[in-house]
Amino acid sequence: MTVRVQDDGSLLVTEQITYAFDGSFTGGYREIPLRPGETIDQITVEEDGREYTPGASAELGSSGAPGTFGVADLGGRVRVVWHYAATDEARTFVLDNRLRGLAVAYDDVVDVNLRVWGDEWDVRLDRLTARMMLPPADLAAGELLVYGHPASVPGSTTLGDGGRNPALEATGVPAGQWVEMRVVFPRRVLSGTSGAATAS
């Protein structure tokens, strides 16, 4: 997962999910939870640089032409279903979206607490990597912080190149286990807060 923090506090999120298929499969889905005040838009699905066509069914178990996807608002979460044809192979799908209202801009800092892996997966994950890119700004040592949760999942965090590209890596994530990446940075990094929540 790559998260690009925008000047207004919104987040551009790119997920690359690789499946190793054993047998024949025709559809995948993601349900993205939204907390009160959060919204999601600009949803796309692509594979090997080819964008899938929107407008397909987002019902679980539905069929659709390969290379299409659908989106459904389920109240508190958004479901994305994409259709393909795969047999005994590895395939990587790329999902993009924009999240607004997730980052919280306080008087002094911005807190981005993002669940980078959800608890809805019924299979384990061998390796998870997530990184966040901030708008250009001069940051002093100690002004950028990154945390990984929960402590029960093996992993590590780093501030990345130049101490301004926070990243998380986790291994052996059990089935049904979520992983969060939390990044805190000075509010002055943002030029506005229309894409963020604000709090004293």
Protein backbone atom coordinates (compact mmCIF):
# COMPACT_ATOMS: atom_id res chain seq x y z
CA MET A 1 0.00 0.00 0.00
CA THR A 2 1.18 3.50 -0.84
CA VAL A 3 -0.51 6.53 0.76
CA ARG A 4 0.07 10.01 -0.62
CA VAL A 5 -0.97 12.77 1.77
CA GLN A 6 -2.34 15.74 -0.19
CA ASP A 7 -1.95 19.42 0.71
CA ASP A 8 -5.58 19.51 1.96
CA GLY A 9 -5.18 16.46 4.22
CA SER A 10 -6.96 13.98 1.93
CA LEU A 11 -5.22 10.67 1.22
CA LEU A 12 -4.61 9.07 -2.17
CA VAL A 13 -4.38 5.34 -1.46
CA THR A 14 -2.95 2.73 -3.83
CA GLU A 15 -3.23 -0.96 -2.92
CA GLN A 16 -1.43 -3.68 -4.85
CA ILE A 17 -2.91 -7.07 -3.99
CA THR A 18 -1.30 -10.22 -5.39
CA TYR A 19 -3.32 -13.44 -5.39
CA ALA A 20 -1.83 -16.91 -6.03
CA PHE A 21 -4.82 -18.71 -7.57
CA ASP A 22 -5.19 -22.48 -7.17
CA GLY A 23 -8.06 -23.31 -9.51
CA SER A 24 -10.33 -21.04 -11.54
CA PHE A 25 -11.66 -17.74 -10.19
CA THR A 26 -13.64 -14.87 -11.69
CA GLY A 27 -14.05 -12.19 -9.03
CA GLY A 28 -12.45 -10.41 -6.11
CA TYR A 29 -13.65 -7.80 -3.67
CA ARG A 30 -12.59 -5.35 -0.98
CA GLU A 31 -14.78 -3.80 1.67
CA ILE A 32 -13.30 -0.55 2.93
CA PRO A 33 -14.60 0.55 6.34
CA LEU A 34 -15.41 4.23 6.89
CA ARG A 35 -15.66 5.89 10.28
CA PRO A 36 -18.17 8.71 10.84
CA GLY A 37 -17.11 11.77 8.81
CA GLU A 38 -14.95 9.80 6.37
CA THR A 39 -15.74 9.59 2.65
CA ILE A 40 -14.19 7.74 -0.28
CA ASP A 41 -14.19 8.54 -4.00
CA GLN A 42 -12.02 8.35 -7.13
CA ILE A 43 -12.14 4.54 -6.98
CA THR A 44 -10.39 2.68 -9.81
CA VAL A 45 -9.18 -0.88 -10.45
CA GLU A 46 -6.40 -1.81 -12.85
CA GLU A 47 -4.13 -4.67 -13.79
CA ASP A 48 -0.84 -4.48 -15.70
CA GLY A 49 -1.52 -0.80 -16.45
CA ARG A 50 -4.97 -1.52 -17.93
CA GLU A 51 -7.87 0.19 -16.17
CA TYR A 52 -10.98 -1.86 -15.49
CA THR A 53 -14.30 -0.43 -16.70
CA PRO A 54 -16.71 0.76 -13.95
CA GLY A 55 -20.43 0.02 -13.79
CA ALA A 56 -20.42 -3.74 -13.17
CA SER A 57 -22.30 -5.48 -10.37
CA ALA A 58 -20.92 -5.10 -6.85
CA GLU A 59 -22.95 -8.00 -5.44
CA LEU A 60 -20.89 -10.77 -3.88
CA GLY A 61 -20.98 -13.86 -6.10
CA SER A 62 -22.18 -11.89 -9.11
CA SER A 63 -20.72 -12.40 -12.56
CA GLY A 64 -19.39 -9.76 -14.88
CA ALA A 65 -17.26 -9.34 -17.95
CA PRO A 66 -13.54 -9.68 -17.22
CA GLY A 67 -11.95 -6.25 -16.84
CA THR A 68 -14.94 -4.60 -15.16
CA PHE A 69 -15.71 -3.50 -11.59
CA GLY A 70 -18.55 -2.18 -9.46
CA VAL A 71 -18.85 -0.10 -6.28
CA ALA A 72 -21.56 -0.28 -3.60
CA ASP A 73 -22.14 1.99 -0.58
CA LEU A 74 -23.08 -0.35 2.28
CA GLY A 75 -23.40 2.33 4.96
CA GLY A 76 -20.24 2.52 7.05
CA ARG A 77 -18.23 0.69 4.41
CA VAL A 78 -17.78 0.66 0.64
CA ARG A 79 -17.51 -2.55 -1.36
CA VAL A 80 -15.46 -2.79 -4.56
CA VAL A 81 -15.98 -5.93 -6.68
CA TRP A 82 -13.88 -6.60 -9.76
CA HIS A 83 -14.31 -9.30 -12.41
CA TYR A 84 -11.61 -11.28 -14.22
CA ALA A 85 -10.76 -14.81 -15.40
CA ALA A 86 -7.82 -16.54 -13.68
CA THR A 87 -6.72 -20.18 -13.47
CA ASP A 88 -3.73 -21.55 -11.54
CA GLU A 89 -1.69 -18.36 -11.75
CA ALA A 90 -0.55 -15.29 -9.81
CA ARG A 91 -2.27 -11.98 -10.59
CA THR A 92 -1.75 -8.51 -9.13
CA PHE A 93 -4.64 -6.04 -8.97
CA VAL A 94 -4.22 -2.33 -8.19
CA LEU A 95 -6.97 -0.44 -6.38
CA ASP A 96 -6.86 3.35 -6.09
CA ASN A 97 -9.09 5.65 -4.06
CA ARG A 98 -9.18 8.98 -2.24
CA LEU A 99 -10.04 9.11 1.47
CA ARG A 100 -11.29 12.35 2.97
CA GLY A 101 -11.83 13.00 6.67
CA LEU A 102 -9.52 10.22 7.89
CA ALA A 103 -6.53 12.41 8.77
CA VAL A 104 -7.22 14.48 11.89
CA ALA A 105 -5.68 17.97 11.91
CA TYR A 106 -5.17 19.18 15.47
CA ASP A 107 -3.85 22.63 16.40
CA ASP A 108 -0.25 21.38 16.33
CA VAL A 109 -0.08 18.04 14.51
CA VAL A 110 -1.87 15.89 11.95
CA ASP A 111 -2.66 12.30 12.98
CA VAL A 112 -3.18 9.71 10.21
CA ASN A 113 -4.37 6.41 11.68
CA LEU A 114 -4.93 4.08 8.72
CA ARG A 115 -5.87 0.40 8.77
CA VAL A 116 -3.58 -0.95 6.04
CA TRP A 117 -4.86 -4.53 6.37
CA GLY A 118 -8.34 -5.48 7.49
CA ASP A 119 -9.69 -8.28 9.66
CA GLU A 120 -12.05 -9.58 6.97
CA TRP A 121 -9.41 -11.74 5.23
CA ASP A 122 -9.87 -15.47 5.91
CA VAL A 123 -6.33 -16.35 4.76
CA ARG A 124 -2.99 -15.35 6.25
CA LEU A 125 -0.77 -12.77 4.58
CA ASP A 126 2.92 -13.57 4.12
CA ARG A 127 4.12 -9.99 3.70
CA LEU A 128 2.58 -6.54 4.03
CA THR A 129 4.34 -3.29 3.19
CA ALA A 130 2.92 0.20 3.51
CA ARG A 131 4.50 3.58 2.99
CA MET A 132 3.32 7.15 3.27
CA MET A 133 4.48 10.16 1.27
CA LEU A 134 4.00 13.66 2.68
CA PRO A 135 3.80 17.02 0.90
CA PRO A 136 7.18 18.78 0.68
CA ALA A 137 8.18 20.43 3.97
CA ASP A 138 11.22 20.93 6.18
CA LEU A 139 10.97 18.60 9.16
CA ALA A 140 13.25 18.61 12.17
CA ALA A 141 14.28 15.41 13.93
CA GLY A 142 11.44 14.10 16.07
CA GLU A 143 8.67 15.95 14.20
CA LEU A 144 7.66 12.88 12.17
CA LEU A 145 6.53 9.77 14.03
CA VAL A 146 5.34 6.37 12.79
CA TYR A 147 3.74 3.52 14.72
CA GLY A 148 2.57 0.02 13.81
CA HIS A 149 -0.28 -1.83 15.54
CA PRO A 150 -0.84 -4.37 17.00
CA ALA A 151 2.35 -5.47 18.77
CA SER A 152 1.31 -9.12 18.35
CA VAL A 153 2.04 -8.98 14.59
CA PRO A 154 5.75 -9.33 13.71
CA GLY A 155 6.96 -6.24 11.91
CA SER A 156 8.85 -2.98 11.94
CA THR A 157 8.46 0.69 11.12
CA THR A 158 10.94 3.20 9.73
CA LEU A 159 11.04 6.89 8.84
CA GLY A 160 12.52 5.95 5.46
CA ASP A 161 14.92 7.85 3.21
CA GLY A 162 15.83 11.24 4.61
CA GLY A 163 13.63 10.62 7.66
CA ARG A 164 10.48 11.75 5.84
CA ASN A 165 9.05 8.66 4.14
CA PRO A 166 7.45 6.61 6.94
CA ALA A 167 6.95 2.93 6.20
CA LEU A 168 5.70 -0.25 7.83
CA GLU A 169 6.45 -3.88 7.11
CA ALA A 170 4.66 -6.85 8.67
CA THR A 171 5.13 -10.57 8.11
CA GLY A 172 3.01 -13.61 8.82
CA VAL A 173 -0.21 -11.67 9.42
CA PRO A 174 -2.73 -14.27 10.68
CA ALA A 175 -6.14 -14.72 9.08
CA GLY A 176 -8.68 -12.33 10.59
CA GLN A 177 -6.00 -9.94 11.93
CA TRP A 178 -5.94 -6.22 11.14
CA VAL A 179 -2.80 -4.07 10.90
CA GLU A 180 -2.67 -0.29 11.39
CA MET A 181 -0.08 2.30 10.40
CA ARG A 182 -0.22 5.55 12.33
CA VAL A 183 1.77 8.62 11.28
CA VAL A 184 1.97 11.98 13.08
CA PHE A 185 3.51 15.11 11.55
CA PRO A 186 3.32 18.90 12.07
CA ARG A 187 0.13 20.61 10.87
CA ARG A 188 2.19 23.18 8.96
CA VAL A 189 2.93 20.44 6.39
CA LEU A 190 -0.63 20.94 5.06
CA SER A 191 -1.69 24.08 3.22
CA GLY A 192 -5.33 23.50 4.15
CA THR A 193 -7.61 21.03 5.91
CA SER A 194 -10.62 20.64 3.59
CA GLY A 195 -9.74 16.95 3.12
CA ALA A 196 -9.16 16.26 6.81
CA ALA A 197 -11.14 16.26 10.03
CA THR A 198 -10.19 19.03 12.47
CA ALA A 199 -10.07 18.99 16.26
CA SER A 200 -8.69 21.15 19.04
